[in-house]
């Protein structure tokens, strides 16, 4: 067994948001997402085929759901996003990386 640390080896180049699969069984995907001042482009929405559970481990972020519900996430906050619940990231911290743990199931 090889041990890993989710806070280790954060990417230096965050020109683009970084999505790193940690576990992918085909039915479940667990990934680390690293953001810094990233947002979903205006007019674009995530509309995923699977449920997604997300937790912010570092930094902060704001999600907007179709219908205008806004959810601000701080360290330790998590939520479950049902499949096909259209949403977008409207803000992530500019001062530090926002580190997410996401489980797609």
N, C-alpha and C. Protein backbone atom coordinates (compact mmCIF):
# COMPACT_ATOMS: atom_id res chain seq x y z
N UNK A 1 0.84 -1.18 0.00
CA UNK A 1 0.00 0.00 0.00
C UNK A 1 0.88 1.24 0.00
N UNK A 2 0.58 2.14 -0.89
CA UNK A 2 1.31 3.40 -0.93
C UNK A 2 0.44 4.50 -0.32
N UNK A 3 0.98 5.18 0.65
CA UNK A 3 0.28 6.25 1.35
C UNK A 3 0.46 7.56 0.59
N UNK A 4 -0.58 8.39 0.56
CA UNK A 4 -0.54 9.71 -0.07
C UNK A 4 -1.15 10.74 0.88
N UNK A 5 -0.83 12.01 0.65
CA UNK A 5 -1.38 13.10 1.45
C UNK A 5 -2.08 14.07 0.51
N UNK A 6 -3.35 14.33 0.73
CA UNK A 6 -4.13 15.17 -0.18
C UNK A 6 -3.63 16.62 -0.22
N UNK A 7 -2.91 17.06 0.82
CA UNK A 7 -2.39 18.43 0.87
C UNK A 7 -1.00 18.54 0.26
N UNK A 8 -0.38 17.41 -0.07
CA UNK A 8 0.99 17.43 -0.60
C UNK A 8 0.98 17.66 -2.11
N UNK A 9 2.08 18.19 -2.58
CA UNK A 9 2.32 18.36 -4.02
C UNK A 9 1.22 19.12 -4.73
N UNK A 10 0.79 20.24 -4.15
CA UNK A 10 -0.18 21.07 -4.85
C UNK A 10 0.49 21.65 -6.09
N UNK A 11 -0.21 21.69 -7.22
CA UNK A 11 0.41 22.19 -8.44
C UNK A 11 0.80 23.67 -8.32
N UNK A 12 1.96 24.00 -8.89
CA UNK A 12 2.40 25.40 -8.88
C UNK A 12 1.70 26.21 -9.96
N UNK A 13 1.49 25.60 -11.12
CA UNK A 13 0.83 26.30 -12.23
C UNK A 13 -0.68 26.08 -12.12
N UNK A 14 -1.36 27.13 -11.71
CA UNK A 14 -2.82 27.06 -11.61
C UNK A 14 -3.49 27.98 -12.62
N UNK A 15 -2.86 28.08 -13.79
CA UNK A 15 -3.47 28.84 -14.87
C UNK A 15 -4.85 28.26 -15.15
N UNK A 16 -4.93 26.92 -15.14
CA UNK A 16 -6.19 26.20 -15.30
C UNK A 16 -6.48 25.47 -14.00
N UNK A 17 -7.74 25.26 -13.73
CA UNK A 17 -8.14 24.44 -12.59
C UNK A 17 -7.61 23.02 -12.81
N UNK A 18 -7.16 22.37 -11.74
CA UNK A 18 -6.54 21.05 -11.85
C UNK A 18 -7.47 20.00 -11.24
N UNK A 19 -7.79 18.97 -12.05
CA UNK A 19 -8.63 17.84 -11.62
C UNK A 19 -7.74 16.60 -11.60
N UNK A 20 -7.57 15.99 -10.42
CA UNK A 20 -6.70 14.82 -10.28
C UNK A 20 -7.48 13.64 -9.72
N UNK A 21 -7.69 12.60 -10.54
CA UNK A 21 -8.38 11.40 -10.02
C UNK A 21 -7.52 10.72 -8.95
N UNK A 22 -8.14 10.39 -7.83
CA UNK A 22 -7.46 9.66 -6.77
C UNK A 22 -7.85 8.19 -6.81
N UNK A 23 -9.13 7.93 -7.08
CA UNK A 23 -9.67 6.57 -7.22
C UNK A 23 -10.72 6.62 -8.32
N UNK A 24 -10.67 5.65 -9.23
CA UNK A 24 -11.69 5.56 -10.28
C UNK A 24 -12.02 4.10 -10.51
N UNK A 25 -13.20 3.68 -10.05
CA UNK A 25 -13.61 2.29 -10.19
C UNK A 25 -14.54 2.10 -11.38
N UNK A 26 -14.87 3.18 -12.07
CA UNK A 26 -15.87 3.13 -13.12
C UNK A 26 -17.23 3.54 -12.57
N UNK A 27 -17.57 3.05 -11.39
CA UNK A 27 -18.83 3.43 -10.75
C UNK A 27 -18.67 4.60 -9.80
N UNK A 28 -17.47 4.75 -9.26
CA UNK A 28 -17.17 5.83 -8.31
C UNK A 28 -15.86 6.49 -8.73
N UNK A 29 -15.87 7.81 -8.77
CA UNK A 29 -14.67 8.59 -9.03
C UNK A 29 -14.45 9.52 -7.85
N UNK A 30 -13.27 9.44 -7.24
CA UNK A 30 -12.89 10.36 -6.17
C UNK A 30 -11.75 11.20 -6.73
N UNK A 31 -11.91 12.52 -6.66
CA UNK A 31 -10.87 13.38 -7.23
C UNK A 31 -10.54 14.55 -6.32
N UNK A 32 -9.30 15.01 -6.49
CA UNK A 32 -8.85 16.24 -5.85
C UNK A 32 -8.93 17.32 -6.91
N UNK A 33 -9.55 18.44 -6.56
CA UNK A 33 -9.65 19.58 -7.46
C UNK A 33 -8.93 20.74 -6.79
N UNK A 34 -8.08 21.42 -7.55
CA UNK A 34 -7.35 22.57 -7.03
C UNK A 34 -7.72 23.78 -7.89
N UNK A 35 -8.25 24.81 -7.23
CA UNK A 35 -8.70 26.04 -7.89
C UNK A 35 -8.01 27.23 -7.25
N UNK A 36 -7.83 28.27 -8.01
CA UNK A 36 -7.37 29.55 -7.46
C UNK A 36 -7.87 30.64 -8.39
N UNK A 37 -8.87 31.38 -7.94
CA UNK A 37 -9.49 32.43 -8.73
C UNK A 37 -10.14 31.87 -10.00
N UNK A 38 -10.64 30.64 -9.93
CA UNK A 38 -11.31 30.03 -11.07
C UNK A 38 -12.82 30.12 -10.93
N UNK A 39 -13.48 30.19 -12.08
CA UNK A 39 -14.94 30.20 -12.16
C UNK A 39 -15.34 29.43 -13.40
N UNK A 40 -16.53 28.89 -13.38
CA UNK A 40 -17.10 28.30 -14.58
C UNK A 40 -17.41 29.46 -15.53
N UNK A 41 -17.01 29.37 -16.80
CA UNK A 41 -17.30 30.47 -17.73
C UNK A 41 -18.78 30.83 -17.75
N UNK A 42 -19.06 32.12 -17.88
CA UNK A 42 -20.43 32.64 -17.92
C UNK A 42 -21.23 31.88 -18.96
N UNK A 43 -22.44 31.50 -18.59
CA UNK A 43 -23.32 30.80 -19.52
C UNK A 43 -23.12 29.30 -19.56
N UNK A 44 -22.05 28.78 -18.96
CA UNK A 44 -21.82 27.34 -18.93
C UNK A 44 -22.28 26.77 -17.59
N UNK A 45 -22.81 25.54 -17.63
CA UNK A 45 -23.30 24.86 -16.44
C UNK A 45 -22.75 23.45 -16.41
N UNK A 46 -22.46 22.96 -15.21
CA UNK A 46 -22.20 21.53 -15.05
C UNK A 46 -23.57 20.85 -14.99
N UNK A 47 -23.73 19.79 -15.77
CA UNK A 47 -24.96 18.99 -15.80
C UNK A 47 -24.50 17.54 -15.89
N UNK A 48 -24.19 16.96 -14.75
CA UNK A 48 -23.49 15.68 -14.69
C UNK A 48 -24.47 14.51 -14.60
N UNK A 49 -24.05 13.39 -15.15
CA UNK A 49 -24.86 12.18 -15.14
C UNK A 49 -24.88 11.48 -13.79
N UNK A 50 -23.91 11.80 -12.93
CA UNK A 50 -23.82 11.15 -11.62
C UNK A 50 -23.98 12.18 -10.51
N UNK A 51 -24.35 11.70 -9.33
CA UNK A 51 -24.34 12.56 -8.15
C UNK A 51 -22.90 12.95 -7.85
N UNK A 52 -22.74 14.11 -7.21
CA UNK A 52 -21.40 14.55 -6.80
C UNK A 52 -21.47 15.10 -5.39
N UNK A 53 -20.63 14.53 -4.52
CA UNK A 53 -20.47 15.04 -3.16
C UNK A 53 -19.16 15.82 -3.15
N UNK A 54 -19.18 17.07 -2.68
CA UNK A 54 -17.97 17.88 -2.63
C UNK A 54 -17.74 18.42 -1.23
N UNK A 55 -16.45 18.56 -0.89
CA UNK A 55 -16.06 19.16 0.38
C UNK A 55 -14.88 20.10 0.12
N UNK A 56 -14.91 21.27 0.75
CA UNK A 56 -13.78 22.19 0.66
C UNK A 56 -12.85 21.89 1.83
N UNK A 57 -11.59 21.56 1.49
CA UNK A 57 -10.58 21.23 2.49
C UNK A 57 -9.68 22.42 2.81
N UNK A 58 -9.61 23.36 1.86
CA UNK A 58 -8.77 24.56 2.02
C UNK A 58 -9.36 25.63 1.12
N UNK A 59 -9.32 26.88 1.56
CA UNK A 59 -9.83 27.98 0.74
C UNK A 59 -11.33 28.16 0.89
N UNK A 60 -11.93 28.79 -0.13
CA UNK A 60 -13.37 29.05 -0.15
C UNK A 60 -13.85 29.05 -1.59
N UNK A 61 -15.17 28.83 -1.74
CA UNK A 61 -15.76 28.83 -3.08
C UNK A 61 -17.25 29.16 -2.97
N UNK A 62 -17.80 29.63 -4.07
CA UNK A 62 -19.23 29.88 -4.16
C UNK A 62 -19.78 29.14 -5.37
N UNK A 63 -20.84 28.38 -5.15
CA UNK A 63 -21.54 27.68 -6.22
C UNK A 63 -22.88 28.36 -6.44
N UNK A 64 -23.31 28.39 -7.71
CA UNK A 64 -24.64 28.90 -8.06
C UNK A 64 -25.37 27.76 -8.75
N UNK A 65 -26.61 27.55 -8.32
CA UNK A 65 -27.44 26.50 -8.91
C UNK A 65 -28.49 27.14 -9.80
N UNK A 66 -28.85 26.43 -10.87
CA UNK A 66 -29.89 26.94 -11.76
C UNK A 66 -31.12 27.24 -10.92
N UNK A 67 -31.69 28.40 -11.12
CA UNK A 67 -32.79 28.85 -10.27
C UNK A 67 -32.31 29.87 -9.27
N UNK A 68 -30.99 30.15 -9.27
CA UNK A 68 -30.37 31.25 -8.53
C UNK A 68 -29.99 30.93 -7.08
N UNK A 69 -30.11 29.68 -6.61
CA UNK A 69 -29.64 29.38 -5.26
C UNK A 69 -28.12 29.51 -5.23
N UNK A 70 -27.60 30.22 -4.23
CA UNK A 70 -26.17 30.44 -4.07
C UNK A 70 -25.71 29.77 -2.78
N UNK A 71 -24.60 29.00 -2.87
CA UNK A 71 -24.06 28.31 -1.70
C UNK A 71 -22.58 28.69 -1.58
N UNK A 72 -22.23 29.29 -0.44
CA UNK A 72 -20.83 29.65 -0.17
C UNK A 72 -20.24 28.56 0.71
N UNK A 73 -19.11 28.00 0.27
CA UNK A 73 -18.47 26.91 1.00
C UNK A 73 -17.14 27.38 1.60
N UNK A 74 -16.95 27.10 2.88
CA UNK A 74 -15.69 27.37 3.58
C UNK A 74 -15.09 26.05 4.00
N UNK A 75 -13.92 26.10 4.58
CA UNK A 75 -13.21 24.89 5.01
C UNK A 75 -14.13 24.00 5.86
N UNK A 76 -14.22 22.74 5.45
CA UNK A 76 -15.03 21.77 6.17
C UNK A 76 -16.46 21.65 5.67
N UNK A 77 -16.92 22.63 4.90
CA UNK A 77 -18.29 22.56 4.37
C UNK A 77 -18.35 21.53 3.24
N UNK A 78 -19.46 20.82 3.18
CA UNK A 78 -19.66 19.86 2.10
C UNK A 78 -21.13 19.82 1.71
N UNK A 79 -21.38 19.36 0.49
CA UNK A 79 -22.75 19.19 0.05
C UNK A 79 -22.84 18.14 -1.03
N UNK A 80 -24.04 17.61 -1.18
CA UNK A 80 -24.31 16.60 -2.19
C UNK A 80 -25.08 17.26 -3.33
N UNK A 81 -24.59 17.10 -4.54
CA UNK A 81 -25.24 17.68 -5.72
C UNK A 81 -25.85 16.53 -6.52
N UNK A 82 -27.17 16.45 -6.60
CA UNK A 82 -27.80 15.36 -7.34
C UNK A 82 -27.45 15.40 -8.84
N UNK A 83 -27.48 14.24 -9.46
CA UNK A 83 -27.25 14.16 -10.91
C UNK A 83 -28.20 15.12 -11.62
N UNK A 84 -27.70 15.76 -12.65
CA UNK A 84 -28.44 16.69 -13.52
C UNK A 84 -28.94 17.94 -12.80
N UNK A 85 -28.39 18.23 -11.63
CA UNK A 85 -28.68 19.50 -10.96
C UNK A 85 -27.68 20.50 -11.51
N UNK A 86 -28.16 21.37 -12.40
CA UNK A 86 -27.25 22.29 -13.09
C UNK A 86 -26.68 23.31 -12.11
N UNK A 87 -25.34 23.44 -12.17
CA UNK A 87 -24.64 24.34 -11.25
C UNK A 87 -23.36 24.85 -11.90
N UNK A 88 -22.82 25.88 -11.30
CA UNK A 88 -21.56 26.44 -11.77
C UNK A 88 -20.80 26.99 -10.58
N UNK A 89 -19.49 27.08 -10.74
CA UNK A 89 -18.64 27.72 -9.73
C UNK A 89 -18.58 29.19 -10.10
N UNK A 90 -19.05 30.06 -9.21
CA UNK A 90 -19.05 31.49 -9.53
C UNK A 90 -17.85 32.22 -8.94
N UNK A 91 -17.16 31.56 -7.97
CA UNK A 91 -16.00 32.22 -7.34
C UNK A 91 -15.19 31.20 -6.57
N UNK A 92 -13.86 31.32 -6.65
CA UNK A 92 -12.95 30.64 -5.72
C UNK A 92 -11.93 31.67 -5.26
N UNK A 93 -11.39 31.46 -4.09
CA UNK A 93 -10.47 32.41 -3.46
C UNK A 93 -9.32 32.79 -4.38
N UNK A 94 -8.99 34.07 -4.37
CA UNK A 94 -7.84 34.56 -5.14
C UNK A 94 -6.57 34.54 -4.29
N UNK A 95 -6.70 34.53 -2.96
CA UNK A 95 -5.55 34.62 -2.06
C UNK A 95 -4.85 33.29 -1.85
N UNK A 96 -5.59 32.21 -1.90
CA UNK A 96 -4.99 30.89 -1.68
C UNK A 96 -5.71 29.86 -2.54
N UNK A 97 -5.11 28.71 -2.66
CA UNK A 97 -5.74 27.64 -3.41
C UNK A 97 -7.01 27.20 -2.69
N UNK A 98 -8.00 26.83 -3.47
CA UNK A 98 -9.17 26.14 -2.92
C UNK A 98 -8.99 24.68 -3.27
N UNK A 99 -8.95 23.86 -2.25
CA UNK A 99 -8.73 22.42 -2.42
C UNK A 99 -10.04 21.71 -2.12
N UNK A 100 -10.54 21.00 -3.13
CA UNK A 100 -11.81 20.28 -3.04
C UNK A 100 -11.53 18.78 -3.00
N UNK A 101 -12.39 18.06 -2.32
CA UNK A 101 -12.46 16.61 -2.45
C UNK A 101 -13.84 16.34 -3.05
N UNK A 102 -13.86 15.66 -4.20
CA UNK A 102 -15.12 15.39 -4.89
C UNK A 102 -15.29 13.88 -5.08
N UNK A 103 -16.49 13.42 -4.82
CA UNK A 103 -16.83 12.02 -5.03
C UNK A 103 -18.01 11.98 -6.00
N UNK A 104 -17.79 11.38 -7.17
CA UNK A 104 -18.84 11.22 -8.18
C UNK A 104 -19.31 9.77 -8.07
N UNK A 105 -20.62 9.59 -7.90
CA UNK A 105 -21.14 8.23 -7.71
C UNK A 105 -22.50 8.06 -8.38
